[in-house]
Amino acid sequence: MLNMEDFGRRLAELRRQSGLKQREIAEHIGVSVQAVSKWERGLSCPDILVLDELSAVLGVTISELFH
């Protein structure tokens, strides 16, 4: 089972490593900054339809995004 808090921490870490701001991630994948913030805080998870784009923006595979 996916732990949303762990996923959020991983997402925030990958975003920082890539040098991107939440706003830039949001613009690249067509979601709100608030959505990215909620993902990083473990309050929600991205829709499966944006995972491919999200991983591409961060320069990782979908598998790496979750592990």
PDB file of N, CA and C in Angstrom:
ATOM      1  N   MET A   1       0.836  -1.186   0.000  1.00  0.00           N
ATOM      2  CA  MET A   1       0.000   0.000   0.000  1.00  0.00           C
ATOM      3  C   MET A   1       0.885   1.254   0.000  1.00  0.00           C
ATOM      4  N   LEU A   2       0.462   2.235  -0.737  1.00  0.00           N
ATOM      5  CA  LEU A   2       1.217   3.480  -0.871  1.00  0.00           C
ATOM      6  C   LEU A   2       1.040   4.346   0.370  1.00  0.00           C
ATOM      7  N   ASN A   3       2.145   4.745   0.954  1.00  0.00           N
ATOM      8  CA  ASN A   3       2.114   5.693   2.061  1.00  0.00           C
ATOM      9  C   ASN A   3       2.244   7.077   1.448  1.00  0.00           C
ATOM     10  N   MET A   4       1.176   7.866   1.545  1.00  0.00           N
ATOM     11  CA  MET A   4       1.162   9.174   0.882  1.00  0.00           C
ATOM     12  C   MET A   4       2.210  10.121   1.449  1.00  0.00           C
ATOM     13  N   GLU A   5       2.498  10.030   2.738  1.00  0.00           N
ATOM     14  CA  GLU A   5       3.511  10.917   3.327  1.00  0.00           C
ATOM     15  C   GLU A   5       4.897  10.597   2.778  1.00  0.00           C
ATOM     16  N   ASP A   6       5.208   9.304   2.647  1.00  0.00           N
ATOM     17  CA  ASP A   6       6.495   8.911   2.079  1.00  0.00           C
ATOM     18  C   ASP A   6       6.602   9.363   0.622  1.00  0.00           C
ATOM     19  N   PHE A   7       5.517   9.172  -0.128  1.00  0.00           N
ATOM     20  CA  PHE A   7       5.513   9.620  -1.515  1.00  0.00           C
ATOM     21  C   PHE A   7       5.737  11.133  -1.587  1.00  0.00           C
ATOM     22  N   GLY A   8       5.067  11.871  -0.721  1.00  0.00           N
ATOM     23  CA  GLY A   8       5.198  13.331  -0.709  1.00  0.00           C
ATOM     24  C   GLY A   8       6.621  13.780  -0.425  1.00  0.00           C
ATOM     25  N   ARG A   9       7.250  13.137   0.557  1.00  0.00           N
ATOM     26  CA  ARG A   9       8.645  13.472   0.863  1.00  0.00           C
ATOM     27  C   ARG A   9       9.551  13.167  -0.319  1.00  0.00           C
ATOM     28  N   ARG A  10       9.316  12.030  -0.963  1.00  0.00           N
ATOM     29  CA  ARG A  10      10.126  11.637  -2.115  1.00  0.00           C
ATOM     30  C   ARG A  10       9.935  12.635  -3.264  1.00  0.00           C
ATOM     31  N   LEU A  11       8.699  13.015  -3.511  1.00  0.00           N
ATOM     32  CA  LEU A  11       8.408  13.973  -4.571  1.00  0.00           C
ATOM     33  C   LEU A  11       9.099  15.310  -4.305  1.00  0.00           C
ATOM     34  N   ALA A  12       8.991  15.801  -3.081  1.00  0.00           N
ATOM     35  CA  ALA A  12       9.628  17.074  -2.729  1.00  0.00           C
ATOM     36  C   ALA A  12      11.148  16.987  -2.893  1.00  0.00           C
ATOM     37  N   GLU A  13      11.713  15.862  -2.486  1.00  0.00           N
ATOM     38  CA  GLU A  13      13.160  15.664  -2.611  1.00  0.00           C
ATOM     39  C   GLU A  13      13.584  15.670  -4.080  1.00  0.00           C
ATOM     40  N   LEU A  14      12.854  14.944  -4.914  1.00  0.00           N
ATOM     41  CA  LEU A  14      13.176  14.893  -6.343  1.00  0.00           C
ATOM     42  C   LEU A  14      13.013  16.264  -6.991  1.00  0.00           C
ATOM     43  N   ARG A  15      11.983  16.999  -6.590  1.00  0.00           N
ATOM     44  CA  ARG A  15      11.758  18.335  -7.150  1.00  0.00           C
ATOM     45  C   ARG A  15      12.915  19.267  -6.796  1.00  0.00           C
ATOM     46  N   ARG A  16      13.331  19.232  -5.539  1.00  0.00           N
ATOM     47  CA  ARG A  16      14.449  20.088  -5.107  1.00  0.00           C
ATOM     48  C   ARG A  16      15.734  19.713  -5.841  1.00  0.00           C
ATOM     49  N   GLN A  17      15.984  18.408  -5.982  1.00  0.00           N
ATOM     50  CA  GLN A  17      17.180  17.946  -6.686  1.00  0.00           C
ATOM     51  C   GLN A  17      17.188  18.409  -8.137  1.00  0.00           C
ATOM     52  N   SER A  18      16.014  18.503  -8.726  1.00  0.00           N
ATOM     53  CA  SER A  18      15.928  18.937 -10.122  1.00  0.00           C
ATOM     54  C   SER A  18      15.978  20.458 -10.256  1.00  0.00           C
ATOM     55  N   GLY A  19      15.922  21.159  -9.117  1.00  0.00           N
ATOM     56  CA  GLY A  19      16.002  22.608  -9.136  1.00  0.00           C
ATOM     57  C   GLY A  19      14.719  23.301  -9.554  1.00  0.00           C
ATOM     58  N   LEU A  20      13.610  22.597  -9.461  1.00  0.00           N
ATOM     59  CA  LEU A  20      12.328  23.162  -9.873  1.00  0.00           C
ATOM     60  C   LEU A  20      11.517  23.638  -8.678  1.00  0.00           C
ATOM     61  N   LYS A  21      10.674  24.602  -8.915  1.00  0.00           N
ATOM     62  CA  LYS A  21       9.728  25.082  -7.907  1.00  0.00           C
ATOM     63  C   LYS A  21       8.401  24.359  -8.126  1.00  0.00           C
ATOM     64  N   GLN A  22       7.564  24.347  -7.103  1.00  0.00           N
ATOM     65  CA  GLN A  22       6.254  23.711  -7.235  1.00  0.00           C
ATOM     66  C   GLN A  22       5.484  24.304  -8.410  1.00  0.00           C
ATOM     67  N   ARG A  23       5.575  25.607  -8.590  1.00  0.00           N
ATOM     68  CA  ARG A  23       4.889  26.288  -9.676  1.00  0.00           C
ATOM     69  C   ARG A  23       5.331  25.746 -11.033  1.00  0.00           C
ATOM     70  N   GLU A  24       6.624  25.492 -11.179  1.00  0.00           N
ATOM     71  CA  GLU A  24       7.145  24.995 -12.453  1.00  0.00           C
ATOM     72  C   GLU A  24       6.649  23.576 -12.735  1.00  0.00           C
ATOM     73  N   ILE A  25       6.619  22.749 -11.713  1.00  0.00           N
ATOM     74  CA  ILE A  25       6.077  21.394 -11.870  1.00  0.00           C
ATOM     75  C   ILE A  25       4.619  21.490 -12.309  1.00  0.00           C
ATOM     76  N   ALA A  26       3.852  22.318 -11.604  1.00  0.00           N
ATOM     77  CA  ALA A  26       2.422  22.483 -11.899  1.00  0.00           C
ATOM     78  C   ALA A  26       2.211  22.927 -13.347  1.00  0.00           C
ATOM     79  N   GLU A  27       2.979  23.897 -13.798  1.00  0.00           N
ATOM     80  CA  GLU A  27       2.838  24.399 -15.169  1.00  0.00           C
ATOM     81  C   GLU A  27       3.183  23.329 -16.201  1.00  0.00           C
ATOM     82  N   HIS A  28       4.227  22.538 -15.933  1.00  0.00           N
ATOM     83  CA  HIS A  28       4.645  21.499 -16.879  1.00  0.00           C
ATOM     84  C   HIS A  28       3.584  20.423 -17.066  1.00  0.00           C
ATOM     85  N   ILE A  29       2.886  20.084 -15.991  1.00  0.00           N
ATOM     86  CA  ILE A  29       1.947  18.960 -16.096  1.00  0.00           C
ATOM     87  C   ILE A  29       0.484  19.383 -16.095  1.00  0.00           C
ATOM     88  N   GLY A  30       0.233  20.684 -16.013  1.00  0.00           N
ATOM     89  CA  GLY A  30      -1.126  21.180 -16.147  1.00  0.00           C
ATOM     90  C   GLY A  30      -2.017  20.997 -14.936  1.00  0.00           C
ATOM     91  N   VAL A  31      -1.431  21.162 -13.744  1.00  0.00           N
ATOM     92  CA  VAL A  31      -2.217  21.112 -12.510  1.00  0.00           C
ATOM     93  C   VAL A  31      -1.961  22.396 -11.728  1.00  0.00           C
ATOM     94  N   SER A  32      -2.670  22.571 -10.640  1.00  0.00           N
ATOM     95  CA  SER A  32      -2.474  23.764  -9.824  1.00  0.00           C
ATOM     96  C   SER A  32      -1.274  23.600  -8.889  1.00  0.00           C
ATOM     97  N   VAL A  33      -0.739  24.723  -8.465  1.00  0.00           N
ATOM     98  CA  VAL A  33       0.342  24.705  -7.476  1.00  0.00           C
ATOM     99  C   VAL A  33      -0.162  24.058  -6.187  1.00  0.00           C
ATOM    100  N   GLN A  34      -1.421  24.301  -5.865  1.00  0.00           N
ATOM    101  CA  GLN A  34      -2.010  23.726  -4.652  1.00  0.00           C
ATOM    102  C   GLN A  34      -2.026  22.198  -4.721  1.00  0.00           C
ATOM    103  N   ALA A  35      -2.253  21.652  -5.915  1.00  0.00           N
ATOM    104  CA  ALA A  35      -2.236  20.193  -6.068  1.00  0.00           C
ATOM    105  C   ALA A  35      -0.844  19.644  -5.771  1.00  0.00           C
ATOM    106  N   VAL A  36       0.187  20.276  -6.328  1.00  0.00           N
ATOM    107  CA  VAL A  36       1.562  19.828  -6.089  1.00  0.00           C
ATOM    108  C   VAL A  36       1.890  19.937  -4.597  1.00  0.00           C
ATOM    109  N   SER A  37       1.468  21.011  -3.977  1.00  0.00           N
ATOM    110  CA  SER A  37       1.693  21.197  -2.546  1.00  0.00           C
ATOM    111  C   SER A  37       1.022  20.086  -1.735  1.00  0.00           C
ATOM    112  N   LYS A  38      -0.194  19.731  -2.089  1.00  0.00           N
ATOM    113  CA  LYS A  38      -0.905  18.657  -1.383  1.00  0.00           C
ATOM    114  C   LYS A  38      -0.200  17.325  -1.564  1.00  0.00           C
ATOM    115  N   TRP A  39       0.314  17.072  -2.761  1.00  0.00           N
ATOM    116  CA  TRP A  39       1.055  15.836  -2.992  1.00  0.00           C
ATOM    117  C   TRP A  39       2.270  15.778  -2.092  1.00  0.00           C
ATOM    118  N   GLU A  40       3.014  16.879  -2.032  1.00  0.00           N
ATOM    119  CA  GLU A  40       4.244  16.903  -1.241  1.00  0.00           C
ATOM    120  C   GLU A  40       3.977  16.810   0.258  1.00  0.00           C
ATOM    121  N   ARG A  41       2.829  17.269   0.685  1.00  0.00           N
ATOM    122  CA  ARG A  41       2.478  17.178   2.110  1.00  0.00           C
ATOM    123  C   ARG A  41       1.789  15.872   2.466  1.00  0.00           C
ATOM    124  N   GLY A  42       1.600  15.006   1.490  1.00  0.00           N
ATOM    125  CA  GLY A  42       0.979  13.715   1.741  1.00  0.00           C
ATOM    126  C   GLY A  42      -0.518  13.773   1.945  1.00  0.00           C
ATOM    127  N   LEU A  43      -1.144  14.847   1.480  1.00  0.00           N
ATOM    128  CA  LEU A  43      -2.589  14.999   1.651  1.00  0.00           C
ATOM    129  C   LEU A  43      -3.370  14.387   0.492  1.00  0.00           C
ATOM    130  N   SER A  44      -2.716  14.217  -0.641  1.00  0.00           N
ATOM    131  CA  SER A  44      -3.337  13.566  -1.796  1.00  0.00           C
ATOM    132  C   SER A  44      -2.227  13.041  -2.694  1.00  0.00           C
ATOM    133  N   CYS A  45      -2.611  12.300  -3.710  1.00  0.00           N
ATOM    134  CA  CYS A  45      -1.655  11.745  -4.667  1.00  0.00           C
ATOM    135  C   CYS A  45      -2.026  12.204  -6.068  1.00  0.00           C
ATOM    136  N   PRO A  46      -1.052  12.289  -6.942  1.00  0.00           N
ATOM    137  CA  PRO A  46      -1.359  12.687  -8.315  1.00  0.00           C
ATOM    138  C   PRO A  46      -2.211  11.632  -9.012  1.00  0.00           C
ATOM    139  N   ASP A  47      -3.004  12.091  -9.940  1.00  0.00           N
ATOM    140  CA  ASP A  47      -3.811  11.207 -10.754  1.00  0.00           C
ATOM    141  C   ASP A  47      -2.885  10.347 -11.604  1.00  0.00           C
ATOM    142  N   ILE A  48      -3.282   9.127 -11.832  1.00  0.00           N
ATOM    143  CA  ILE A  48      -2.463   8.202 -12.623  1.00  0.00           C
ATOM    144  C   ILE A  48      -2.171   8.757 -14.018  1.00  0.00           C
ATOM    145  N   LEU A  49      -3.045   9.587 -14.519  1.00  0.00           N
ATOM    146  CA  LEU A  49      -2.873  10.143 -15.866  1.00  0.00           C
ATOM    147  C   LEU A  49      -1.732  11.145 -15.972  1.00  0.00           C
ATOM    148  N   VAL A  50      -1.265  11.698 -14.848  1.00  0.00           N
ATOM    149  CA  VAL A  50      -0.168  12.672 -14.901  1.00  0.00           C
ATOM    150  C   VAL A  50       1.174  12.084 -14.461  1.00  0.00           C
ATOM    151  N   LEU A  51       1.180  10.825 -14.033  1.00  0.00           N
ATOM    152  CA  LEU A  51       2.422  10.230 -13.524  1.00  0.00           C
ATOM    153  C   LEU A  51       3.532  10.192 -14.564  1.00  0.00           C
ATOM    154  N   ASP A  52       3.192   9.882 -15.796  1.00  0.00           N
ATOM    155  CA  ASP A  52       4.213   9.814 -16.845  1.00  0.00           C
ATOM    156  C   ASP A  52       4.871  11.174 -17.047  1.00  0.00           C
ATOM    157  N   GLU A  53       4.050  12.208 -17.140  1.00  0.00           N
ATOM    158  CA  GLU A  53       4.584  13.569 -17.306  1.00  0.00           C
ATOM    159  C   GLU A  53       5.369  14.016 -16.080  1.00  0.00           C
ATOM    160  N   LEU A  54       4.842  13.721 -14.903  1.00  0.00           N
ATOM    161  CA  LEU A  54       5.506  14.105 -13.658  1.00  0.00           C
ATOM    162  C   LEU A  54       6.888  13.467 -13.564  1.00  0.00           C
ATOM    163  N   SER A  55       6.968  12.187 -13.846  1.00  0.00           N
ATOM    164  CA  SER A  55       8.267  11.521 -13.782  1.00  0.00           C
ATOM    165  C   SER A  55       9.222  12.072 -14.840  1.00  0.00           C
ATOM    166  N   ALA A  56       8.706  12.384 -16.027  1.00  0.00           N
ATOM    167  CA  ALA A  56       9.556  12.937 -17.086  1.00  0.00           C
ATOM    168  C   ALA A  56      10.106  14.303 -16.685  1.00  0.00           C
ATOM    169  N   VAL A  57       9.265  15.150 -16.102  1.00  0.00           N
ATOM    170  CA  VAL A  57       9.710  16.485 -15.673  1.00  0.00           C
ATOM    171  C   VAL A  57      10.815  16.362 -14.626  1.00  0.00           C
ATOM    172  N   LEU A  58      10.691  15.366 -13.764  1.00  0.00           N
ATOM    173  CA  LEU A  58      11.673  15.179 -12.698  1.00  0.00           C
ATOM    174  C   LEU A  58      12.893  14.375 -13.153  1.00  0.00           C
ATOM    175  N   GLY A  59      12.829  13.808 -14.341  1.00  0.00           N
ATOM    176  CA  GLY A  59      13.960  13.048 -14.881  1.00  0.00           C
ATOM    177  C   GLY A  59      14.141  11.689 -14.243  1.00  0.00           C
ATOM    178  N   VAL A  60      13.035  11.075 -13.817  1.00  0.00           N
ATOM    179  CA  VAL A  60      13.083   9.744 -13.209  1.00  0.00           C
ATOM    180  C   VAL A  60      12.012   8.871 -13.848  1.00  0.00           C
ATOM    181  N   THR A  61      12.098   7.577 -13.598  1.00  0.00           N
ATOM    182  CA  THR A  61      11.039   6.680 -14.046  1.00  0.00           C
ATOM    183  C   THR A  61       9.888   6.736 -13.046  1.00  0.00           C
ATOM    184  N   ILE A  62       8.749   6.237 -13.446  1.00  0.00           N
ATOM    185  CA  ILE A  62       7.614   6.176 -12.519  1.00  0.00           C
ATOM    186  C   ILE A  62       7.976   5.312 -11.322  1.00  0.00           C
ATOM    187  N   SER A  63       8.684   4.230 -11.560  1.00  0.00           N
ATOM    188  CA  SER A  63       9.115   3.352 -10.466  1.00  0.00           C
ATOM    189  C   SER A  63       9.991   4.121  -9.467  1.00  0.00           C
ATOM    190  N   GLU A  64      10.929   4.910  -9.973  1.00  0.00           N
ATOM    191  CA  GLU A  64      11.807   5.691  -9.087  1.00  0.00           C
ATOM    192  C   GLU A  64      11.018   6.738  -8.322  1.00  0.00           C
ATOM    193  N   LEU A  65       9.965   7.228  -8.905  1.00  0.00           N
ATOM    194  CA  LEU A  65       9.126   8.233  -8.245  1.00  0.00           C
ATOM    195  C   LEU A  65       8.487   7.653  -6.982  1.00  0.00           C
ATOM    196  N   PHE A  66       8.177   6.366  -7.010  1.00  0.00           N
ATOM    197  CA  PHE A  66       7.504   5.733  -5.879  1.00  0.00           C
ATOM    198  C   PHE A  66       8.435   5.000  -4.923  1.00  0.00           C
ATOM    199  N   HIS A  67       9.716   4.899  -5.244  1.00  0.00           N
ATOM    200  CA  HIS A  67      10.626   4.166  -4.356  1.00  0.00           C
ATOM    201  C   HIS A  67      11.725   5.068  -3.909  1.00  0.00           C
TER     202      HIS A  67
END
